[in-house]
Amino acid sequence: MPRPRRAAKAGPTGETRRTRYFGGAAMKVDGAMLKEARERVFMSQEELAEALLVNPGVVIGLEREPRTEVRENLVKDLAEMLFVARADLTSDPEPPQPVEAEEG
């Protein structure tokens, strides 16, 4: 018989960790960039997960994937904890180079 699921604990604003980090407006996190930023501040995956109040599997999964879509709140929290800009955690392509007009 399957074990009943526990109810998610809501924070002071009424949102749970799941709705805070995995629902709503999304950004894509680059796993390699996240891992590099985490290692730069000498933080383990477990320490980062504890600071975010998530399961360590979340951080491991984010670092393993090339690009993972997550809620913007998670990117904001990651950037604050790792002392980087939000843009440093995403690998959105650079804007295209301007086309130069040919002289003639």
N, C-alpha and C. Protein backbone atom coordinates (compact mmCIF):
# COMPACT_ATOMS: atom_id res chain seq x y z
N MET A 1 0.85 -1.18 0.00
CA MET A 1 0.00 0.00 0.00
C MET A 1 0.90 1.24 0.00
N PRO A 2 0.66 2.20 -0.93
CA PRO A 2 1.51 3.39 -0.98
C PRO A 2 1.33 4.26 0.26
N ARG A 3 2.45 4.87 0.63
CA ARG A 3 2.45 5.76 1.78
C ARG A 3 1.76 7.07 1.42
N PRO A 4 0.92 7.63 2.28
CA PRO A 4 0.27 8.91 1.95
C PRO A 4 1.30 10.04 1.90
N ARG A 5 1.07 10.96 0.98
CA ARG A 5 1.98 12.11 0.86
C ARG A 5 1.72 13.11 1.97
N ARG A 6 2.80 13.70 2.44
CA ARG A 6 2.66 14.76 3.44
C ARG A 6 2.27 16.05 2.75
N ALA A 7 1.52 16.86 3.42
CA ALA A 7 1.14 18.17 2.88
C ALA A 7 2.37 19.06 2.86
N ALA A 8 2.50 19.83 1.81
CA ALA A 8 3.63 20.76 1.71
C ALA A 8 3.45 21.88 2.72
N LYS A 9 4.53 22.26 3.37
CA LYS A 9 4.48 23.35 4.34
C LYS A 9 4.54 24.67 3.59
N ALA A 10 3.62 25.53 3.89
CA ALA A 10 3.60 26.84 3.26
C ALA A 10 4.39 27.84 4.09
N GLY A 11 5.05 28.75 3.40
CA GLY A 11 5.82 29.79 4.05
C GLY A 11 4.92 30.94 4.49
N PRO A 12 5.50 32.04 4.95
CA PRO A 12 4.71 33.17 5.45
C PRO A 12 3.81 33.79 4.38
N THR A 13 4.18 33.64 3.10
CA THR A 13 3.36 34.20 2.03
C THR A 13 2.36 33.19 1.50
N GLY A 14 2.35 31.99 2.07
CA GLY A 14 1.41 30.96 1.66
C GLY A 14 1.90 30.09 0.52
N GLU A 15 3.12 30.33 0.05
CA GLU A 15 3.62 29.50 -1.05
C GLU A 15 4.56 28.43 -0.51
N THR A 16 4.57 27.29 -1.18
CA THR A 16 5.46 26.21 -0.80
C THR A 16 6.73 26.32 -1.62
N ARG A 17 7.74 25.55 -1.24
CA ARG A 17 8.99 25.56 -2.01
C ARG A 17 8.73 25.17 -3.46
N ARG A 18 7.85 24.18 -3.67
CA ARG A 18 7.57 23.73 -5.04
C ARG A 18 6.97 24.86 -5.86
N THR A 19 5.96 25.57 -5.33
CA THR A 19 5.36 26.64 -6.12
C THR A 19 6.30 27.83 -6.23
N ARG A 20 7.15 28.03 -5.23
CA ARG A 20 8.08 29.16 -5.28
C ARG A 20 9.12 28.97 -6.37
N TYR A 21 9.63 27.76 -6.53
CA TYR A 21 10.75 27.54 -7.44
C TYR A 21 10.38 26.89 -8.77
N PHE A 22 9.24 26.23 -8.88
CA PHE A 22 8.97 25.47 -10.10
C PHE A 22 7.65 25.80 -10.78
N GLY A 23 7.04 26.92 -10.47
CA GLY A 23 5.83 27.34 -11.15
C GLY A 23 5.95 28.80 -11.51
N GLY A 24 5.17 29.27 -12.46
CA GLY A 24 5.16 30.68 -12.81
C GLY A 24 6.22 31.06 -13.83
N ALA A 25 6.63 32.33 -13.82
CA ALA A 25 7.58 32.86 -14.80
C ALA A 25 8.89 32.07 -14.74
N ALA A 26 9.39 31.74 -15.91
CA ALA A 26 10.54 30.83 -15.95
C ALA A 26 11.76 31.45 -16.60
N MET A 27 12.90 30.95 -16.20
CA MET A 27 14.20 31.26 -16.81
C MET A 27 14.90 29.93 -16.97
N LYS A 28 15.92 29.89 -17.81
CA LYS A 28 16.68 28.66 -17.99
C LYS A 28 18.04 28.79 -17.34
N VAL A 29 18.35 27.82 -16.48
CA VAL A 29 19.64 27.79 -15.79
C VAL A 29 20.57 26.85 -16.54
N ASP A 30 21.79 27.29 -16.77
CA ASP A 30 22.82 26.46 -17.40
C ASP A 30 23.53 25.70 -16.30
N GLY A 31 23.49 24.37 -16.36
CA GLY A 31 24.06 23.53 -15.31
C GLY A 31 25.55 23.74 -15.09
N ALA A 32 26.30 23.86 -16.18
CA ALA A 32 27.75 24.05 -16.06
C ALA A 32 28.08 25.39 -15.41
N MET A 33 27.32 26.42 -15.78
CA MET A 33 27.57 27.75 -15.20
C MET A 33 27.21 27.78 -13.72
N LEU A 34 26.13 27.07 -13.36
CA LEU A 34 25.74 26.98 -11.96
C LEU A 34 26.81 26.27 -11.15
N LYS A 35 27.31 25.15 -11.66
CA LYS A 35 28.34 24.40 -10.95
C LYS A 35 29.61 25.24 -10.77
N GLU A 36 29.99 25.96 -11.83
CA GLU A 36 31.19 26.81 -11.77
C GLU A 36 31.02 27.90 -10.71
N ALA A 37 29.85 28.54 -10.69
CA ALA A 37 29.60 29.60 -9.70
C ALA A 37 29.60 29.04 -8.29
N ARG A 38 29.01 27.86 -8.10
CA ARG A 38 28.97 27.23 -6.77
C ARG A 38 30.37 26.89 -6.29
N GLU A 39 31.18 26.33 -7.19
CA GLU A 39 32.55 25.95 -6.81
C GLU A 39 33.42 27.18 -6.53
N ARG A 40 33.13 28.30 -7.19
CA ARG A 40 33.90 29.52 -6.96
C ARG A 40 33.76 30.04 -5.53
N VAL A 41 32.61 29.75 -4.90
CA VAL A 41 32.40 30.19 -3.52
C VAL A 41 32.61 29.04 -2.53
N PHE A 42 33.23 27.96 -3.02
CA PHE A 42 33.59 26.81 -2.18
C PHE A 42 32.39 26.24 -1.43
N MET A 43 31.28 26.09 -2.13
CA MET A 43 30.06 25.56 -1.53
C MET A 43 29.78 24.18 -2.13
N SER A 44 29.38 23.25 -1.29
CA SER A 44 29.02 21.93 -1.80
C SER A 44 27.59 21.97 -2.32
N GLN A 45 27.21 20.95 -3.07
CA GLN A 45 25.83 20.86 -3.55
C GLN A 45 24.87 20.78 -2.37
N GLU A 46 25.25 20.04 -1.35
CA GLU A 46 24.41 19.89 -0.17
C GLU A 46 24.24 21.22 0.56
N GLU A 47 25.32 21.99 0.69
CA GLU A 47 25.24 23.28 1.37
C GLU A 47 24.34 24.25 0.61
N LEU A 48 24.45 24.25 -0.72
CA LEU A 48 23.60 25.13 -1.52
C LEU A 48 22.14 24.70 -1.39
N ALA A 49 21.89 23.41 -1.44
CA ALA A 49 20.52 22.91 -1.29
C ALA A 49 19.94 23.30 0.08
N GLU A 50 20.76 23.18 1.11
CA GLU A 50 20.30 23.54 2.46
C GLU A 50 19.97 25.02 2.54
N ALA A 51 20.79 25.85 1.91
CA ALA A 51 20.54 27.30 1.91
C ALA A 51 19.25 27.64 1.15
N LEU A 52 18.94 26.87 0.12
CA LEU A 52 17.73 27.09 -0.67
C LEU A 52 16.50 26.40 -0.05
N LEU A 53 16.73 25.56 0.95
CA LEU A 53 15.68 24.76 1.58
C LEU A 53 15.05 23.79 0.60
N VAL A 54 15.90 23.15 -0.23
CA VAL A 54 15.44 22.13 -1.17
C VAL A 54 16.25 20.86 -0.98
N ASN A 55 15.78 19.79 -1.56
CA ASN A 55 16.49 18.52 -1.52
C ASN A 55 17.78 18.64 -2.34
N PRO A 56 18.89 18.06 -1.89
CA PRO A 56 20.14 18.14 -2.66
C PRO A 56 19.99 17.62 -4.10
N GLY A 57 19.03 16.72 -4.33
CA GLY A 57 18.78 16.22 -5.67
C GLY A 57 18.39 17.32 -6.65
N VAL A 58 17.79 18.39 -6.15
CA VAL A 58 17.42 19.52 -7.00
C VAL A 58 18.67 20.18 -7.56
N VAL A 59 19.63 20.47 -6.69
CA VAL A 59 20.88 21.11 -7.12
C VAL A 59 21.66 20.17 -8.04
N ILE A 60 21.73 18.90 -7.67
CA ILE A 60 22.44 17.92 -8.50
C ILE A 60 21.80 17.85 -9.88
N GLY A 61 20.48 17.82 -9.94
CA GLY A 61 19.78 17.77 -11.21
C GLY A 61 19.99 19.02 -12.06
N LEU A 62 19.97 20.19 -11.42
CA LEU A 62 20.20 21.43 -12.16
C LEU A 62 21.60 21.45 -12.77
N GLU A 63 22.59 20.99 -12.02
CA GLU A 63 23.97 21.01 -12.51
C GLU A 63 24.20 19.96 -13.60
N ARG A 64 23.44 18.90 -13.56
CA ARG A 64 23.63 17.80 -14.51
C ARG A 64 23.09 18.15 -15.90
N GLU A 65 22.04 18.94 -15.96
CA GLU A 65 21.38 19.27 -17.22
C GLU A 65 22.01 20.51 -17.86
N PRO A 66 22.12 20.51 -19.20
CA PRO A 66 22.69 21.69 -19.87
C PRO A 66 21.83 22.94 -19.65
N ARG A 67 20.51 22.80 -19.74
CA ARG A 67 19.61 23.94 -19.51
C ARG A 67 18.32 23.43 -18.89
N THR A 68 17.95 24.00 -17.75
CA THR A 68 16.74 23.60 -17.05
C THR A 68 15.89 24.83 -16.82
N GLU A 69 14.61 24.73 -17.16
CA GLU A 69 13.70 25.84 -16.94
C GLU A 69 13.21 25.83 -15.50
N VAL A 70 13.44 26.93 -14.80
CA VAL A 70 13.02 27.06 -13.40
C VAL A 70 12.38 28.44 -13.23
N ARG A 71 11.71 28.61 -12.13
CA ARG A 71 11.08 29.90 -11.84
C ARG A 71 12.14 30.96 -11.56
N GLU A 72 11.82 32.17 -11.91
CA GLU A 72 12.77 33.27 -11.75
C GLU A 72 13.20 33.47 -10.30
N ASN A 73 12.33 33.14 -9.34
CA ASN A 73 12.69 33.27 -7.92
C ASN A 73 13.89 32.41 -7.57
N LEU A 74 13.96 31.21 -8.15
CA LEU A 74 15.09 30.31 -7.87
C LEU A 74 16.37 30.91 -8.42
N VAL A 75 16.30 31.46 -9.62
CA VAL A 75 17.49 32.08 -10.22
C VAL A 75 17.95 33.25 -9.36
N LYS A 76 17.00 34.04 -8.88
CA LYS A 76 17.33 35.19 -8.02
C LYS A 76 18.01 34.70 -6.74
N ASP A 77 17.45 33.68 -6.10
CA ASP A 77 18.03 33.16 -4.86
C ASP A 77 19.41 32.54 -5.11
N LEU A 78 19.55 31.80 -6.21
CA LEU A 78 20.86 31.22 -6.55
C LEU A 78 21.90 32.33 -6.75
N ALA A 79 21.53 33.36 -7.50
CA ALA A 79 22.46 34.46 -7.77
C ALA A 79 22.89 35.14 -6.47
N GLU A 80 21.96 35.37 -5.57
CA GLU A 80 22.29 36.02 -4.30
C GLU A 80 23.23 35.15 -3.46
N MET A 81 22.96 33.85 -3.40
CA MET A 81 23.77 32.96 -2.57
C MET A 81 25.16 32.71 -3.16
N LEU A 82 25.27 32.82 -4.47
CA LEU A 82 26.55 32.54 -5.14
C LEU A 82 27.29 33.82 -5.52
N PHE A 83 26.73 34.97 -5.17
CA PHE A 83 27.36 36.27 -5.42
C PHE A 83 27.66 36.49 -6.91
N VAL A 84 26.68 36.19 -7.74
CA VAL A 84 26.80 36.41 -9.18
C VAL A 84 25.54 37.11 -9.67
N ALA A 85 25.58 37.62 -10.89
CA ALA A 85 24.39 38.20 -11.52
C ALA A 85 23.53 37.07 -12.07
N ARG A 86 22.25 37.32 -12.20
CA ARG A 86 21.35 36.30 -12.77
C ARG A 86 21.83 35.85 -14.14
N ALA A 87 22.30 36.79 -14.93
CA ALA A 87 22.76 36.48 -16.29
C ALA A 87 23.94 35.51 -16.27
N ASP A 88 24.69 35.45 -15.16
CA ASP A 88 25.83 34.54 -15.07
C ASP A 88 25.41 33.08 -14.90
N LEU A 89 24.13 32.84 -14.70
CA LEU A 89 23.64 31.48 -14.50
C LEU A 89 22.87 30.94 -15.71
N THR A 90 22.76 31.74 -16.74
CA THR A 90 22.03 31.32 -17.93
C THR A 90 22.92 31.44 -19.15
N SER A 91 22.67 30.59 -20.12
CA SER A 91 23.48 30.62 -21.34
C SER A 91 22.64 31.05 -22.53
N ASP A 92 21.73 32.00 -22.29
CA ASP A 92 20.94 32.50 -23.40
C ASP A 92 21.90 32.97 -24.48
N PRO A 93 21.57 32.71 -25.74
CA PRO A 93 22.48 33.12 -26.79
C PRO A 93 22.65 34.63 -26.85
N GLU A 94 23.84 35.03 -27.24
CA GLU A 94 24.12 36.45 -27.41
C GLU A 94 23.24 36.99 -28.53
N PRO A 95 22.91 38.28 -28.50
CA PRO A 95 22.13 38.83 -29.59
C PRO A 95 22.94 38.76 -30.89
N PRO A 96 22.26 38.65 -32.04
CA PRO A 96 23.00 38.55 -33.29
C PRO A 96 23.83 39.79 -33.56
N GLN A 97 24.93 39.59 -34.24
CA GLN A 97 25.81 40.71 -34.62
C GLN A 97 25.09 41.57 -35.67
N PRO A 98 25.27 42.90 -35.61
CA PRO A 98 24.62 43.75 -36.61
C PRO A 98 25.19 43.47 -37.99
N VAL A 99 24.34 43.59 -38.97
CA VAL A 99 24.75 43.38 -40.36
C VAL A 99 25.37 44.66 -40.87
N GLU A 100 26.58 44.53 -41.41
CA GLU A 100 27.25 45.72 -41.93
C GLU A 100 26.83 45.93 -43.37
N ALA A 101 26.50 47.18 -43.70
CA ALA A 101 26.10 47.50 -45.07
C ALA A 101 27.32 47.49 -45.97
N GLU A 102 27.16 46.93 -47.14
CA GLU A 102 28.28 46.90 -48.10
C GLU A 102 28.42 48.25 -48.75
N GLU A 103 29.64 48.68 -48.91
CA GLU A 103 29.89 49.95 -49.59
C GLU A 103 29.88 49.69 -51.09
N GLY A 104 29.31 50.59 -51.86
CA GLY A 104 29.38 50.31 -53.27
C GLY A 104 28.72 51.21 -54.13
